Amino acid sequence: MLKILFVCTGNTCRSPMAAGIFRKIAQQGGTLDKFYCMSAGLAAQPGAPATANAVAVCREIGVDISRHRARRIADLGGIDAFDVFVPMTSTQAYVLQQAGVAPEKLYHLGEIPDPYGQNEQVYRQCRDSISQALNTFYQEVVTHYGDGK
């Protein structure tokens, strides 16, 4: 089973949306059982819920992140627990590398702007950017890892 960690700053918008969307893509592809994925933040407030707008725009596409609670990467017990790290920005990728994540374990989706504090339309744009990038990621990870570890 391939262990994937989606990473953003506060773990209340982008990374929980990414984890939920990825699960849906994998489920539709019939490979959900081949992946373990979760999300975390570099500076999260542990226990904070996903933002209302993140929950709402994910619900629009059949993804439920309403039970998500923020967690910090530092509280996950070490970076060796994950096979692939998916940061939302190059700055987050840099921080992960400085923390010891090998470059070959990083998959950069592109620069996904933080929608925190914005309106639902901005969240929809963020969700759609994440979805598009994750479709490509899913194809690459399935091709690269085949039927999982």
C-alpha atoms as a PDB file:
ATOM      1  CA  MET A   1       0.000   0.000   0.000  1.00  0.00           C
ATOM      2  CA  LEU A   2       1.370   3.378  -1.044  1.00  0.00           C
ATOM      3  CA  LYS A   3       1.247   5.950   1.763  1.00  0.00           C
ATOM      4  CA  ILE A   4       0.619   9.500   0.542  1.00  0.00           C
ATOM      5  CA  LEU A   5       0.675  12.684   2.624  1.00  0.00           C
ATOM      6  CA  PHE A   6      -0.922  15.847   1.223  1.00  0.00           C
ATOM      7  CA  VAL A   7       0.661  18.940   2.774  1.00  0.00           C
ATOM      8  CA  CYS A   8      -0.312  22.588   3.087  1.00  0.00           C
ATOM      9  CA  THR A   9       0.111  25.231   5.747  1.00  0.00           C
ATOM     10  CA  GLY A  10      -2.880  25.065   8.087  1.00  0.00           C
ATOM     11  CA  ASN A  11      -4.461  21.744   7.038  1.00  0.00           C
ATOM     12  CA  THR A  12      -7.937  23.266   6.861  1.00  0.00           C
ATOM     13  CA  CYS A  13      -8.311  23.990   3.117  1.00  0.00           C
ATOM     14  CA  ARG A  14      -6.022  22.674   0.400  1.00  0.00           C
ATOM     15  CA  SER A  15      -4.544  19.475   1.791  1.00  0.00           C
ATOM     16  CA  PRO A  16      -7.821  18.086   3.200  1.00  0.00           C
ATOM     17  CA  MET A  17      -9.505  18.891  -0.122  1.00  0.00           C
ATOM     18  CA  ALA A  18      -6.654  17.147  -1.941  1.00  0.00           C
ATOM     19  CA  ALA A  19      -6.851  14.028   0.237  1.00  0.00           C
ATOM     20  CA  GLY A  20     -10.619  13.806  -0.202  1.00  0.00           C
ATOM     21  CA  ILE A  21     -10.474  14.376  -3.941  1.00  0.00           C
ATOM     22  CA  PHE A  22      -7.663  11.842  -4.338  1.00  0.00           C
ATOM     23  CA  ARG A  23      -9.698   9.211  -2.479  1.00  0.00           C
ATOM     24  CA  LYS A  24     -12.609   9.839  -4.844  1.00  0.00           C
ATOM     25  CA  ILE A  25     -10.370   9.549  -7.920  1.00  0.00           C
ATOM     26  CA  ALA A  26      -8.836   6.325  -6.607  1.00  0.00           C
ATOM     27  CA  GLN A  27     -12.263   4.937  -5.763  1.00  0.00           C
ATOM     28  CA  GLN A  28     -13.513   5.703  -9.261  1.00  0.00           C
ATOM     29  CA  GLY A  29     -10.384   4.019 -10.638  1.00  0.00           C
ATOM     30  CA  GLY A  30     -10.995   0.918  -8.537  1.00  0.00           C
ATOM     31  CA  THR A  31      -7.694   1.309  -6.707  1.00  0.00           C
ATOM     32  CA  LEU A  32      -8.660   2.901  -3.392  1.00  0.00           C
ATOM     33  CA  ASP A  33      -7.401  -0.146  -1.496  1.00  0.00           C
ATOM     34  CA  LYS A  34      -3.906   0.404  -2.910  1.00  0.00           C
ATOM     35  CA  PHE A  35      -3.451   3.782  -1.217  1.00  0.00           C
ATOM     36  CA  TYR A  36      -3.375   5.176   2.287  1.00  0.00           C
ATOM     37  CA  CYS A  37      -3.632   8.927   2.182  1.00  0.00           C
ATOM     38  CA  MET A  38      -3.991  11.654   4.731  1.00  0.00           C
ATOM     39  CA  SER A  39      -3.223  15.333   5.058  1.00  0.00           C
ATOM     40  CA  ALA A  40      -1.287  17.516   7.442  1.00  0.00           C
ATOM     41  CA  GLY A  41      -0.068  21.079   7.787  1.00  0.00           C
ATOM     42  CA  LEU A  42       3.295  22.632   8.408  1.00  0.00           C
ATOM     43  CA  ALA A  43       1.762  25.118  10.866  1.00  0.00           C
ATOM     44  CA  ALA A  44      -1.628  23.586  11.654  1.00  0.00           C
ATOM     45  CA  GLN A  45      -3.662  24.187  14.783  1.00  0.00           C
ATOM     46  CA  PRO A  46      -4.364  20.577  15.815  1.00  0.00           C
ATOM     47  CA  GLY A  47      -8.052  19.767  15.902  1.00  0.00           C
ATOM     48  CA  ALA A  48      -9.219  22.704  13.787  1.00  0.00           C
ATOM     49  CA  PRO A  49     -11.994  21.709  11.356  1.00  0.00           C
ATOM     50  CA  ALA A  50     -11.831  22.121   7.611  1.00  0.00           C
ATOM     51  CA  THR A  51     -13.143  25.543   6.650  1.00  0.00           C
ATOM     52  CA  ALA A  52     -16.844  25.787   5.850  1.00  0.00           C
ATOM     53  CA  ASN A  53     -16.082  26.811   2.259  1.00  0.00           C
ATOM     54  CA  ALA A  54     -13.730  23.847   1.752  1.00  0.00           C
ATOM     55  CA  VAL A  55     -16.424  21.495   3.042  1.00  0.00           C
ATOM     56  CA  ALA A  56     -19.079  23.141   0.853  1.00  0.00           C
ATOM     57  CA  VAL A  57     -17.165  23.097  -2.435  1.00  0.00           C
ATOM     58  CA  CYS A  58     -16.020  19.523  -1.896  1.00  0.00           C
ATOM     59  CA  ARG A  59     -19.590  18.464  -1.152  1.00  0.00           C
ATOM     60  CA  GLU A  60     -20.550  19.901  -4.568  1.00  0.00           C
ATOM     61  CA  ILE A  61     -18.431  17.195  -6.226  1.00  0.00           C
ATOM     62  CA  GLY A  62     -19.407  14.363  -3.878  1.00  0.00           C
ATOM     63  CA  VAL A  63     -16.430  14.591  -1.524  1.00  0.00           C
ATOM     64  CA  ASP A  64     -17.130  14.736   2.222  1.00  0.00           C
ATOM     65  CA  ILE A  65     -14.392  16.334   4.318  1.00  0.00           C
ATOM     66  CA  SER A  66     -16.741  17.501   7.084  1.00  0.00           C
ATOM     67  CA  ARG A  67     -15.153  15.247   9.722  1.00  0.00           C
ATOM     68  CA  HIS A  68     -11.605  16.398   8.960  1.00  0.00           C
ATOM     69  CA  ARG A  69      -9.551  17.775  11.831  1.00  0.00           C
ATOM     70  CA  ALA A  70      -6.231  19.515  11.291  1.00  0.00           C
ATOM     71  CA  ARG A  71      -2.970  17.877  12.303  1.00  0.00           C
ATOM     72  CA  ARG A  72       0.666  18.938  12.135  1.00  0.00           C
ATOM     73  CA  ILE A  73       3.270  16.940  10.273  1.00  0.00           C
ATOM     74  CA  ALA A  74       5.413  17.118  13.393  1.00  0.00           C
ATOM     75  CA  ASP A  75       2.778  15.063  15.233  1.00  0.00           C
ATOM     76  CA  LEU A  76       2.687  12.185  12.746  1.00  0.00           C
ATOM     77  CA  GLY A  77       5.657  10.274  14.085  1.00  0.00           C
ATOM     78  CA  GLY A  78       8.256  10.899  11.408  1.00  0.00           C
ATOM     79  CA  ILE A  79       8.599  11.394   7.706  1.00  0.00           C
ATOM     80  CA  ASP A  80       9.606   7.795   7.076  1.00  0.00           C
ATOM     81  CA  ALA A  81       5.974   6.751   7.515  1.00  0.00           C
ATOM     82  CA  PHE A  82       5.074   8.084   4.050  1.00  0.00           C
ATOM     83  CA  ASP A  83       6.148   7.084   0.549  1.00  0.00           C
ATOM     84  CA  VAL A  84       5.037  10.232  -1.276  1.00  0.00           C
ATOM     85  CA  PHE A  85       4.574  13.813  -0.104  1.00  0.00           C
ATOM     86  CA  VAL A  86       2.324  16.130  -2.101  1.00  0.00           C
ATOM     87  CA  PRO A  87       2.852  19.785  -1.085  1.00  0.00           C
ATOM     88  CA  MET A  88       0.632  22.543  -2.441  1.00  0.00           C
ATOM     89  CA  THR A  89       3.483  25.005  -3.120  1.00  0.00           C
ATOM     90  CA  SER A  90       7.168  24.976  -3.932  1.00  0.00           C
ATOM     91  CA  THR A  91       7.852  26.686  -0.597  1.00  0.00           C
ATOM     92  CA  GLN A  92       6.208  23.793   1.234  1.00  0.00           C
ATOM     93  CA  ALA A  93       8.242  21.358  -0.884  1.00  0.00           C
ATOM     94  CA  TYR A  94      11.395  23.218   0.150  1.00  0.00           C
ATOM     95  CA  VAL A  95      10.449  23.046   3.839  1.00  0.00           C
ATOM     96  CA  LEU A  96       9.805  19.298   3.491  1.00  0.00           C
ATOM     97  CA  GLN A  97      13.217  18.814   1.883  1.00  0.00           C
ATOM     98  CA  GLN A  98      14.873  20.770   4.681  1.00  0.00           C
ATOM     99  CA  ALA A  99      13.102  18.465   7.139  1.00  0.00           C
ATOM    100  CA  GLY A 100      14.684  15.463   5.445  1.00  0.00           C
ATOM    101  CA  VAL A 101      12.177  14.387   2.795  1.00  0.00           C
ATOM    102  CA  ALA A 102      14.100  13.033  -0.197  1.00  0.00           C
ATOM    103  CA  PRO A 103      13.387  14.911  -3.445  1.00  0.00           C
ATOM    104  CA  GLU A 104      12.258  11.691  -5.141  1.00  0.00           C
ATOM    105  CA  LYS A 105       9.494  11.377  -2.525  1.00  0.00           C
ATOM    106  CA  LEU A 106       8.033  14.788  -3.439  1.00  0.00           C
ATOM    107  CA  TYR A 107       5.320  15.273  -6.050  1.00  0.00           C
ATOM    108  CA  HIS A 108       4.638  18.917  -6.734  1.00  0.00           C
ATOM    109  CA  LEU A 109       1.106  19.695  -7.943  1.00  0.00           C
ATOM    110  CA  GLY A 110       2.089  23.204  -8.969  1.00  0.00           C
ATOM    111  CA  GLU A 111       1.452  26.423  -7.103  1.00  0.00           C
ATOM    112  CA  ILE A 112      -1.968  26.016  -5.506  1.00  0.00           C
ATOM    113  CA  PRO A 113      -2.878  29.372  -3.902  1.00  0.00           C
ATOM    114  CA  ASP A 114      -4.293  29.298  -0.388  1.00  0.00           C
ATOM    115  CA  PRO A 115      -8.026  30.149  -0.480  1.00  0.00           C
ATOM    116  CA  TYR A 116      -8.234  30.679   3.296  1.00  0.00           C
ATOM    117  CA  GLY A 117     -10.560  33.561   4.133  1.00  0.00           C
ATOM    118  CA  GLN A 118     -11.810  33.896   0.558  1.00  0.00           C
ATOM    119  CA  ASN A 119     -15.291  33.322  -0.883  1.00  0.00           C
ATOM    120  CA  GLU A 120     -16.687  30.065  -2.274  1.00  0.00           C
ATOM    121  CA  GLN A 121     -15.756  30.972  -5.850  1.00  0.00           C
ATOM    122  CA  VAL A 122     -12.071  31.171  -4.897  1.00  0.00           C
ATOM    123  CA  TYR A 123     -12.425  27.830  -3.107  1.00  0.00           C
ATOM    124  CA  ARG A 124     -14.026  26.322  -6.224  1.00  0.00           C
ATOM    125  CA  GLN A 125     -11.106  27.524  -8.332  1.00  0.00           C
ATOM    126  CA  CYS A 126      -8.712  26.012  -5.791  1.00  0.00           C
ATOM    127  CA  ARG A 127     -10.676  22.740  -5.738  1.00  0.00           C
ATOM    128  CA  ASP A 128     -10.697  22.564  -9.529  1.00  0.00           C
ATOM    129  CA  SER A 129      -6.943  23.251  -9.734  1.00  0.00           C
ATOM    130  CA  ILE A 130      -6.318  20.513  -7.193  1.00  0.00           C
ATOM    131  CA  SER A 131      -8.644  18.099  -9.021  1.00  0.00           C
ATOM    132  CA  GLN A 132      -6.954  18.679 -12.353  1.00  0.00           C
ATOM    133  CA  ALA A 133      -3.475  18.212 -10.886  1.00  0.00           C
ATOM    134  CA  LEU A 134      -4.559  15.120  -8.952  1.00  0.00           C
ATOM    135  CA  ASN A 135      -5.928  13.432 -12.053  1.00  0.00           C
ATOM    136  CA  THR A 136      -2.440  13.667 -13.547  1.00  0.00           C
ATOM    137  CA  PHE A 137      -0.844  12.598 -10.251  1.00  0.00           C
ATOM    138  CA  TYR A 138      -3.167   9.592 -10.021  1.00  0.00           C
ATOM    139  CA  GLN A 139      -2.272   8.421 -13.531  1.00  0.00           C
ATOM    140  CA  GLU A 140       1.438   8.813 -12.815  1.00  0.00           C
ATOM    141  CA  VAL A 141       1.352   7.111  -9.423  1.00  0.00           C
ATOM    142  CA  VAL A 142      -0.707   4.175 -10.726  1.00  0.00           C
ATOM    143  CA  THR A 143       1.650   3.780 -13.679  1.00  0.00           C
ATOM    144  CA  HIS A 144       4.772   4.095 -11.515  1.00  0.00           C
ATOM    145  CA  TYR A 145       3.654   1.931  -8.616  1.00  0.00           C
ATOM    146  CA  GLY A 146       1.448  -0.461 -10.544  1.00  0.00           C
ATOM    147  CA  ASP A 147      -0.677  -2.390  -8.108  1.00  0.00           C
ATOM    148  CA  GLY A 148       0.835  -0.745  -5.042  1.00  0.00           C
ATOM    149  CA  LYS A 149       3.416  -1.787  -2.490  1.00  0.00           C
END
